[in-house]
Amino acid sequence: FGSSYTACVHDVAIGEFDMCIGSFWITPQRLSMVQFLPAFGSSKFYLVVPGDPVSDSFIDTLAKPFEPFSVELWAFVLSFLIFA
């Protein structure tokens, strides 16, 4: 096994142990062996990679929050808010 955590999960799967207590990551390999209880917490990991420098203008920066929707949808939302 790749780690002692996976070995412990395997021992639970074959009935050697009743449970493993620890800070486990639920991986597809471990999930295929046993069932897990809901996690008490989670770890957040961020992947930071170098990118091309962005030279947005002030107007482009202000327009960013409105980009997910089309102009027609924004017009509908605005008209709905006005007339509702």
PDB file of N, CA and C in Angstrom:
ATOM      1  N   PHE A   1       0.834  -1.182   0.000  1.00  0.00           N
ATOM      2  CA  PHE A   1       0.000   0.000   0.000  1.00  0.00           C
ATOM      3  C   PHE A   1       0.874   1.239   0.000  1.00  0.00           C
ATOM      4  N   GLY A   2       0.335   2.319  -0.528  1.00  0.00           N
ATOM      5  CA  GLY A   2       1.099   3.549  -0.656  1.00  0.00           C
ATOM      6  C   GLY A   2       1.320   4.272   0.657  1.00  0.00           C
ATOM      7  N   SER A   3       0.466   4.019   1.656  1.00  0.00           N
ATOM      8  CA  SER A   3       0.627   4.697   2.937  1.00  0.00           C
ATOM      9  C   SER A   3       0.060   3.832   4.046  1.00  0.00           C
ATOM     10  N   SER A   4       0.420   4.189   5.263  1.00  0.00           N
ATOM     11  CA  SER A   4      -0.108   3.437   6.402  1.00  0.00           C
ATOM     12  C   SER A   4      -1.608   3.694   6.582  1.00  0.00           C
ATOM     13  N   TYR A   5      -2.084   4.856   6.114  1.00  0.00           N
ATOM     14  CA  TYR A   5      -3.516   5.143   6.191  1.00  0.00           C
ATOM     15  C   TYR A   5      -4.299   4.185   5.285  1.00  0.00           C
ATOM     16  N   THR A   6      -3.805   3.990   4.069  1.00  0.00           N
ATOM     17  CA  THR A   6      -4.471   3.057   3.149  1.00  0.00           C
ATOM     18  C   THR A   6      -4.388   1.638   3.688  1.00  0.00           C
ATOM     19  N   ALA A   7      -3.271   1.290   4.327  1.00  0.00           N
ATOM     20  CA  ALA A   7      -3.140  -0.043   4.924  1.00  0.00           C
ATOM     21  C   ALA A   7      -4.151  -0.231   6.046  1.00  0.00           C
ATOM     22  N   CYS A   8      -4.370   0.815   6.834  1.00  0.00           N
ATOM     23  CA  CYS A   8      -5.355   0.725   7.913  1.00  0.00           C
ATOM     24  C   CYS A   8      -6.760   0.548   7.337  1.00  0.00           C
ATOM     25  N   VAL A   9      -7.067   1.283   6.282  1.00  0.00           N
ATOM     26  CA  VAL A   9      -8.379   1.144   5.636  1.00  0.00           C
ATOM     27  C   VAL A   9      -8.543  -0.265   5.084  1.00  0.00           C
ATOM     28  N   HIS A  10      -7.487  -0.816   4.524  1.00  0.00           N
ATOM     29  CA  HIS A  10      -7.537  -2.188   4.019  1.00  0.00           C
ATOM     30  C   HIS A  10      -7.793  -3.168   5.155  1.00  0.00           C
ATOM     31  N   ASP A  11      -7.148  -2.961   6.313  1.00  0.00           N
ATOM     32  CA  ASP A  11      -7.373  -3.844   7.460  1.00  0.00           C
ATOM     33  C   ASP A  11      -8.825  -3.781   7.932  1.00  0.00           C
ATOM     34  N   VAL A  12      -9.449  -2.619   7.851  1.00  0.00           N
ATOM     35  CA  VAL A  12     -10.877  -2.514   8.176  1.00  0.00           C
ATOM     36  C   VAL A  12     -11.696  -3.297   7.153  1.00  0.00           C
ATOM     37  N   ALA A  13     -11.306  -3.189   5.883  1.00  0.00           N
ATOM     38  CA  ALA A  13     -12.058  -3.860   4.814  1.00  0.00           C
ATOM     39  C   ALA A  13     -12.025  -5.376   4.967  1.00  0.00           C
ATOM     40  N   ILE A  14     -10.897  -5.914   5.420  1.00  0.00           N
ATOM     41  CA  ILE A  14     -10.804  -7.380   5.541  1.00  0.00           C
ATOM     42  C   ILE A  14     -11.226  -7.875   6.922  1.00  0.00           C
ATOM     43  N   GLY A  15     -11.629  -6.944   7.813  1.00  0.00           N
ATOM     44  CA  GLY A  15     -12.118  -7.342   9.119  1.00  0.00           C
ATOM     45  C   GLY A  15     -11.052  -7.451  10.184  1.00  0.00           C
ATOM     46  N   GLU A  16      -9.845  -7.037   9.895  1.00  0.00           N
ATOM     47  CA  GLU A  16      -8.770  -7.087  10.884  1.00  0.00           C
ATOM     48  C   GLU A  16      -9.006  -6.042  11.993  1.00  0.00           C
ATOM     49  N   PHE A  17      -9.459  -4.856  11.609  1.00  0.00           N
ATOM     50  CA  PHE A  17      -9.796  -3.789  12.557  1.00  0.00           C
ATOM     51  C   PHE A  17     -11.266  -3.454  12.416  1.00  0.00           C
ATOM     52  N   ASP A  18     -11.827  -2.875  13.471  1.00  0.00           N
ATOM     53  CA  ASP A  18     -13.204  -2.402  13.409  1.00  0.00           C
ATOM     54  C   ASP A  18     -13.278  -0.988  12.824  1.00  0.00           C
ATOM     55  N   MET A  19     -12.279  -0.165  13.148  1.00  0.00           N
ATOM     56  CA  MET A  19     -12.264   1.191  12.614  1.00  0.00           C
ATOM     57  C   MET A  19     -10.854   1.755  12.705  1.00  0.00           C
ATOM     58  N   CYS A  20     -10.633   2.792  11.901  1.00  0.00           N
ATOM     59  CA  CYS A  20      -9.383   3.540  11.944  1.00  0.00           C
ATOM     60  C   CYS A  20      -9.733   4.968  12.327  1.00  0.00           C
ATOM     61  N   ILE A  21      -9.004   5.488  13.304  1.00  0.00           N
ATOM     62  CA  ILE A  21      -9.243   6.853  13.737  1.00  0.00           C
ATOM     63  C   ILE A  21      -8.024   7.677  13.360  1.00  0.00           C
ATOM     64  N   GLY A  22      -8.273   8.763  12.670  1.00  0.00           N
ATOM     65  CA  GLY A  22      -7.166   9.622  12.280  1.00  0.00           C
ATOM     66  C   GLY A  22      -7.623  10.677  11.308  1.00  0.00           C
ATOM     67  N   SER A  23      -6.654  11.383  10.832  1.00  0.00           N
ATOM     68  CA  SER A  23      -6.896  12.459   9.870  1.00  0.00           C
ATOM     69  C   SER A  23      -6.748  11.880   8.463  1.00  0.00           C
ATOM     70  N   PHE A  24      -7.817  11.282   7.954  1.00  0.00           N
ATOM     71  CA  PHE A  24      -7.774  10.590   6.667  1.00  0.00           C
ATOM     72  C   PHE A  24      -8.270  11.484   5.550  1.00  0.00           C
ATOM     73  N   TRP A  25      -7.662  11.356   4.407  1.00  0.00           N
ATOM     74  CA  TRP A  25      -8.217  11.911   3.176  1.00  0.00           C
ATOM     75  C   TRP A  25      -8.996  10.789   2.515  1.00  0.00           C
ATOM     76  N   ILE A  26     -10.195  11.082   2.092  1.00  0.00           N
ATOM     77  CA  ILE A  26     -11.013  10.072   1.422  1.00  0.00           C
ATOM     78  C   ILE A  26     -10.626  10.073  -0.048  1.00  0.00           C
ATOM     79  N   THR A  27      -9.881   9.064  -0.441  1.00  0.00           N
ATOM     80  CA  THR A  27      -9.445   8.931  -1.831  1.00  0.00           C
ATOM     81  C   THR A  27     -10.329   7.900  -2.523  1.00  0.00           C
ATOM     82  N   PRO A  28     -10.368   7.906  -3.847  1.00  0.00           N
ATOM     83  CA  PRO A  28     -11.177   6.897  -4.557  1.00  0.00           C
ATOM     84  C   PRO A  28     -10.763   5.463  -4.212  1.00  0.00           C
ATOM     85  N   GLN A  29      -9.462   5.231  -4.030  1.00  0.00           N
ATOM     86  CA  GLN A  29      -8.994   3.887  -3.691  1.00  0.00           C
ATOM     87  C   GLN A  29      -9.538   3.455  -2.326  1.00  0.00           C
ATOM     88  N   ARG A  30      -9.470   4.329  -1.341  1.00  0.00           N
ATOM     89  CA  ARG A  30      -9.965   3.997   0.000  1.00  0.00           C
ATOM     90  C   ARG A  30     -11.482   3.889   0.018  1.00  0.00           C
ATOM     91  N   LEU A  31     -12.145   4.742  -0.753  1.00  0.00           N
ATOM     92  CA  LEU A  31     -13.605   4.704  -0.803  1.00  0.00           C
ATOM     93  C   LEU A  31     -14.111   3.415  -1.439  1.00  0.00           C
ATOM     94  N   SER A  32     -13.317   2.826  -2.321  1.00  0.00           N
ATOM     95  CA  SER A  32     -13.728   1.563  -2.935  1.00  0.00           C
ATOM     96  C   SER A  32     -13.599   0.390  -1.961  1.00  0.00           C
ATOM     97  N   MET A  33     -12.838   0.579  -0.876  1.00  0.00           N
ATOM     98  CA  MET A  33     -12.650  -0.503   0.101  1.00  0.00           C
ATOM     99  C   MET A  33     -13.693  -0.497   1.209  1.00  0.00           C
ATOM    100  N   VAL A  34     -13.985   0.690   1.753  1.00  0.00           N
ATOM    101  CA  VAL A  34     -14.879   0.790   2.913  1.00  0.00           C
ATOM    102  C   VAL A  34     -15.764   2.019   2.778  1.00  0.00           C
ATOM    103  N   GLN A  35     -16.748   2.120   3.676  1.00  0.00           N
ATOM    104  CA  GLN A  35     -17.591   3.309   3.743  1.00  0.00           C
ATOM    105  C   GLN A  35     -17.043   4.236   4.818  1.00  0.00           C
ATOM    106  N   PHE A  36     -17.128   5.532   4.575  1.00  0.00           N
ATOM    107  CA  PHE A  36     -16.650   6.523   5.530  1.00  0.00           C
ATOM    108  C   PHE A  36     -17.825   7.267   6.129  1.00  0.00           C
ATOM    109  N   LEU A  37     -17.650   7.737   7.363  1.00  0.00           N
ATOM    110  CA  LEU A  37     -18.626   8.629   7.973  1.00  0.00           C
ATOM    111  C   LEU A  37     -18.414  10.033   7.421  1.00  0.00           C
ATOM    112  N   PRO A  38     -19.404  10.909   7.572  1.00  0.00           N
ATOM    113  CA  PRO A  38     -19.189  12.293   7.118  1.00  0.00           C
ATOM    114  C   PRO A  38     -17.998  12.923   7.848  1.00  0.00           C
ATOM    115  N   ALA A  39     -17.263  13.742   7.147  1.00  0.00           N
ATOM    116  CA  ALA A  39     -16.058  14.345   7.700  1.00  0.00           C
ATOM    117  C   ALA A  39     -16.396  15.426   8.723  1.00  0.00           C
ATOM    118  N   PHE A  40     -15.559  15.553   9.740  1.00  0.00           N
ATOM    119  CA  PHE A  40     -15.710  16.628  10.726  1.00  0.00           C
ATOM    120  C   PHE A  40     -15.241  17.957  10.158  1.00  0.00           C
ATOM    121  N   GLY A  41     -14.269  17.913   9.284  1.00  0.00           N
ATOM    122  CA  GLY A  41     -13.719  19.123   8.687  1.00  0.00           C
ATOM    123  C   GLY A  41     -13.144  18.803   7.333  1.00  0.00           C
ATOM    124  N   SER A  42     -12.655  19.810   6.679  1.00  0.00           N
ATOM    125  CA  SER A  42     -12.062  19.584   5.367  1.00  0.00           C
ATOM    126  C   SER A  42     -10.831  20.466   5.224  1.00  0.00           C
ATOM    127  N   SER A  43      -9.946  20.048   4.360  1.00  0.00           N
ATOM    128  CA  SER A  43      -8.730  20.807   4.081  1.00  0.00           C
ATOM    129  C   SER A  43      -8.902  21.522   2.756  1.00  0.00           C
ATOM    130  N   LYS A  44      -8.543  22.774   2.728  1.00  0.00           N
ATOM    131  CA  LYS A  44      -8.625  23.526   1.488  1.00  0.00           C
ATOM    132  C   LYS A  44      -7.217  23.689   0.929  1.00  0.00           C
ATOM    133  N   PHE A  45      -7.051  23.273  -0.293  1.00  0.00           N
ATOM    134  CA  PHE A  45      -5.786  23.416  -0.966  1.00  0.00           C
ATOM    135  C   PHE A  45      -5.976  24.280  -2.188  1.00  0.00           C
ATOM    136  N   TYR A  46      -5.023  25.111  -2.458  1.00  0.00           N
ATOM    137  CA  TYR A  46      -5.090  26.000  -3.608  1.00  0.00           C
ATOM    138  C   TYR A  46      -3.875  25.752  -4.477  1.00  0.00           C
ATOM    139  N   LEU A  47      -4.091  25.695  -5.761  1.00  0.00           N
ATOM    140  CA  LEU A  47      -3.012  25.541  -6.725  1.00  0.00           C
ATOM    141  C   LEU A  47      -2.729  26.911  -7.313  1.00  0.00           C
ATOM    142  N   VAL A  48      -1.526  27.389  -7.077  1.00  0.00           N
ATOM    143  CA  VAL A  48      -1.138  28.706  -7.565  1.00  0.00           C
ATOM    144  C   VAL A  48      -0.111  28.502  -8.674  1.00  0.00           C
ATOM    145  N   VAL A  49      -0.443  28.997  -9.850  1.00  0.00           N
ATOM    146  CA  VAL A  49       0.448  28.863 -10.991  1.00  0.00           C
ATOM    147  C   VAL A  49       0.708  30.229 -11.589  1.00  0.00           C
ATOM    148  N   PRO A  50       1.878  30.419 -12.145  1.00  0.00           N
ATOM    149  CA  PRO A  50       2.139  31.714 -12.785  1.00  0.00           C
ATOM    150  C   PRO A  50       1.272  31.867 -14.028  1.00  0.00           C
ATOM    151  N   GLY A  51       0.796  33.054 -14.227  1.00  0.00           N
ATOM    152  CA  GLY A  51      -0.049  33.320 -15.385  1.00  0.00           C
ATOM    153  C   GLY A  51       0.444  34.537 -16.129  1.00  0.00           C
ATOM    154  N   ASP A  52      -0.201  34.805 -17.225  1.00  0.00           N
ATOM    155  CA  ASP A  52       0.135  35.989 -17.999  1.00  0.00           C
ATOM    156  C   ASP A  52      -0.331  37.224 -17.242  1.00  0.00           C
ATOM    157  N   PRO A  53       0.469  38.250 -17.221  1.00  0.00           N
ATOM    158  CA  PRO A  53       0.022  39.462 -16.537  1.00  0.00           C
ATOM    159  C   PRO A  53      -1.191  40.057 -17.245  1.00  0.00           C
ATOM    160  N   VAL A  54      -2.174  40.429 -16.455  1.00  0.00           N
ATOM    161  CA  VAL A  54      -3.417  40.975 -16.991  1.00  0.00           C
ATOM    162  C   VAL A  54      -3.398  42.484 -16.780  1.00  0.00           C
ATOM    163  N   SER A  55      -3.624  43.192 -17.855  1.00  0.00           N
ATOM    164  CA  SER A  55      -3.666  44.648 -17.743  1.00  0.00           C
ATOM    165  C   SER A  55      -5.075  45.122 -18.092  1.00  0.00           C
ATOM    166  N   ASP A  56      -6.001  44.867 -17.175  1.00  0.00           N
ATOM    167  CA  ASP A  56      -7.375  45.301 -17.370  1.00  0.00           C
ATOM    168  C   ASP A  56      -7.505  46.780 -17.030  1.00  0.00           C
ATOM    169  N   SER A  57      -8.351  47.430 -17.770  1.00  0.00           N
ATOM    170  CA  SER A  57      -8.635  48.821 -17.449  1.00  0.00           C
ATOM    171  C   SER A  57      -9.605  48.871 -16.270  1.00  0.00           C
ATOM    172  N   PHE A  58      -9.824  50.048 -15.743  1.00  0.00           N
ATOM    173  CA  PHE A  58     -10.739  50.218 -14.628  1.00  0.00           C
ATOM    174  C   PHE A  58     -12.154  49.792 -15.005  1.00  0.00           C
ATOM    175  N   ILE A  59     -12.564  50.093 -16.225  1.00  0.00           N
ATOM    176  CA  ILE A  59     -13.905  49.716 -16.704  1.00  0.00           C
ATOM    177  C   ILE A  59     -14.015  48.192 -16.810  1.00  0.00           C
ATOM    178  N   ASP A  60     -12.960  47.529 -17.299  1.00  0.00           N
ATOM    179  CA  ASP A  60     -12.985  46.071 -17.387  1.00  0.00           C
ATOM    180  C   ASP A  60     -13.113  45.439 -16.007  1.00  0.00           C
ATOM    181  N   THR A  61     -12.431  46.002 -15.031  1.00  0.00           N
ATOM    182  CA  THR A  61     -12.513  45.489 -13.665  1.00  0.00           C
ATOM    183  C   THR A  61     -13.919  45.659 -13.103  1.00  0.00           C
ATOM    184  N   LEU A  62     -14.558  46.785 -13.375  1.00  0.00           N
ATOM    185  CA  LEU A  62     -15.934  46.997 -12.908  1.00  0.00           C
ATOM    186  C   LEU A  62     -16.927  46.075 -13.604  1.00  0.00           C
ATOM    187  N   ALA A  63     -16.648  45.684 -14.829  1.00  0.00           N
ATOM    188  CA  ALA A  63     -17.570  44.846 -15.600  1.00  0.00           C
ATOM    189  C   ALA A  63     -17.465  43.365 -15.247  1.00  0.00           C
ATOM    190  N   LYS A  64     -16.415  42.940 -14.571  1.00  0.00           N
ATOM    191  CA  LYS A  64     -16.202  41.516 -14.254  1.00  0.00           C
ATOM    192  C   LYS A  64     -17.395  40.851 -13.559  1.00  0.00           C
ATOM    193  N   PRO A  65     -18.013  41.456 -12.539  1.00  0.00           N
ATOM    194  CA  PRO A  65     -19.133  40.768 -11.877  1.00  0.00           C
ATOM    195  C   PRO A  65     -20.353  40.560 -12.780  1.00  0.00           C
ATOM    196  N   PHE A  66     -20.458  41.316 -13.845  1.00  0.00           N
ATOM    197  CA  PHE A  66     -21.622  41.219 -14.722  1.00  0.00           C
ATOM    198  C   PHE A  66     -21.409  40.252 -15.887  1.00  0.00           C
ATOM    199  N   GLU A  67     -20.217  39.729 -16.052  1.00  0.00           N
ATOM    200  CA  GLU A  67     -19.904  38.862 -17.193  1.00  0.00           C
ATOM    201  C   GLU A  67     -20.643  37.520 -17.218  1.00  0.00           C
ATOM    202  N   PRO A  68     -20.962  36.897 -16.070  1.00  0.00           N
ATOM    203  CA  PRO A  68     -21.611  35.579 -16.151  1.00  0.00           C
ATOM    204  C   PRO A  68     -22.946  35.580 -16.886  1.00  0.00           C
ATOM    205  N   PHE A  69     -23.665  36.721 -16.905  1.00  0.00           N
ATOM    206  CA  PHE A  69     -24.967  36.770 -17.558  1.00  0.00           C
ATOM    207  C   PHE A  69     -24.901  37.613 -18.821  1.00  0.00           C
ATOM    208  N   SER A  70     -25.754  37.284 -19.765  1.00  0.00           N
ATOM    209  CA  SER A  70     -25.827  38.055 -21.001  1.00  0.00           C
ATOM    210  C   SER A  70     -26.542  39.378 -20.750  1.00  0.00           C
ATOM    211  N   VAL A  71     -26.456  40.280 -21.709  1.00  0.00           N
ATOM    212  CA  VAL A  71     -27.119  41.582 -21.595  1.00  0.00           C
ATOM    213  C   VAL A  71     -28.631  41.399 -21.505  1.00  0.00           C
ATOM    214  N   GLU A  72     -29.175  40.442 -22.268  1.00  0.00           N
ATOM    215  CA  GLU A  72     -30.612  40.195 -22.249  1.00  0.00           C
ATOM    216  C   GLU A  72     -31.083  39.730 -20.872  1.00  0.00           C
ATOM    217  N   LEU A  73     -30.300  38.869 -20.245  1.00  0.00           N
ATOM    218  CA  LEU A  73     -30.684  38.378 -18.921  1.00  0.00           C
ATOM    219  C   LEU A  73     -30.611  39.489 -17.885  1.00  0.00           C
ATOM    220  N   TRP A  74     -29.600  40.349 -17.980  1.00  0.00           N
ATOM    221  CA  TRP A  74     -29.523  41.484 -17.059  1.00  0.00           C
ATOM    222  C   TRP A  74     -30.711  42.433 -17.271  1.00  0.00           C
ATOM    223  N   ALA A  75     -31.127  42.601 -18.515  1.00  0.00           N
ATOM    224  CA  ALA A  75     -32.289  43.440 -18.788  1.00  0.00           C
ATOM    225  C   ALA A  75     -33.546  42.820 -18.174  1.00  0.00           C
ATOM    226  N   PHE A  76     -33.680  41.511 -18.263  1.00  0.00           N
ATOM    227  CA  PHE A  76     -34.820  40.823 -17.661  1.00  0.00           C
ATOM    228  C   PHE A  76     -34.814  40.989 -16.148  1.00  0.00           C
ATOM    229  N   VAL A  77     -33.655  40.771 -15.521  1.00  0.00           N
ATOM    230  CA  VAL A  77     -33.557  40.898 -14.058  1.00  0.00           C
ATOM    231  C   VAL A  77     -33.900  42.317 -13.629  1.00  0.00           C
ATOM    232  N   LEU A  78     -33.358  43.292 -14.317  1.00  0.00           N
ATOM    233  CA  LEU A  78     -33.621  44.680 -13.975  1.00  0.00           C
ATOM    234  C   LEU A  78     -35.098  45.023 -14.151  1.00  0.00           C
ATOM    235  N   SER A  79     -35.702  44.577 -15.261  1.00  0.00           N
ATOM    236  CA  SER A  79     -37.126  44.861 -15.468  1.00  0.00           C
ATOM    237  C   SER A  79     -37.995  44.146 -14.440  1.00  0.00           C
ATOM    238  N   PHE A  80     -37.602  42.930 -14.063  1.00  0.00           N
ATOM    239  CA  PHE A  80     -38.345  42.202 -13.047  1.00  0.00           C
ATOM    240  C   PHE A  80     -38.302  42.941 -11.711  1.00  0.00           C
ATOM    241  N   LEU A  81     -37.115  43.452 -11.360  1.00  0.00           N
ATOM    242  CA  LEU A  81     -36.976  44.170 -10.088  1.00  0.00           C
ATOM    243  C   LEU A  81     -37.752  45.486 -10.102  1.00  0.00           C
ATOM    244  N   ILE A  82     -37.827  46.120 -11.234  1.00  0.00           N
ATOM    245  CA  ILE A  82     -38.548  47.392 -11.311  1.00  0.00           C
ATOM    246  C   ILE A  82     -40.056  47.180 -11.245  1.00  0.00           C
ATOM    247  N   PHE A  83     -40.563  46.197 -11.998  1.00  0.00           N
ATOM    248  CA  PHE A  83     -42.003  46.017 -12.112  1.00  0.00           C
ATOM    249  C   PHE A  83     -42.601  45.047 -11.118  1.00  0.00           C
ATOM    250  N   ALA A  84     -41.802  44.401 -10.311  1.00  0.00           N
ATOM    251  CA  ALA A  84     -42.347  43.425  -9.364  1.00  0.00           C
ATOM    252  C   ALA A  84     -42.703  44.062  -8.041  1.00  0.00           C
TER     253      ALA A  84
END
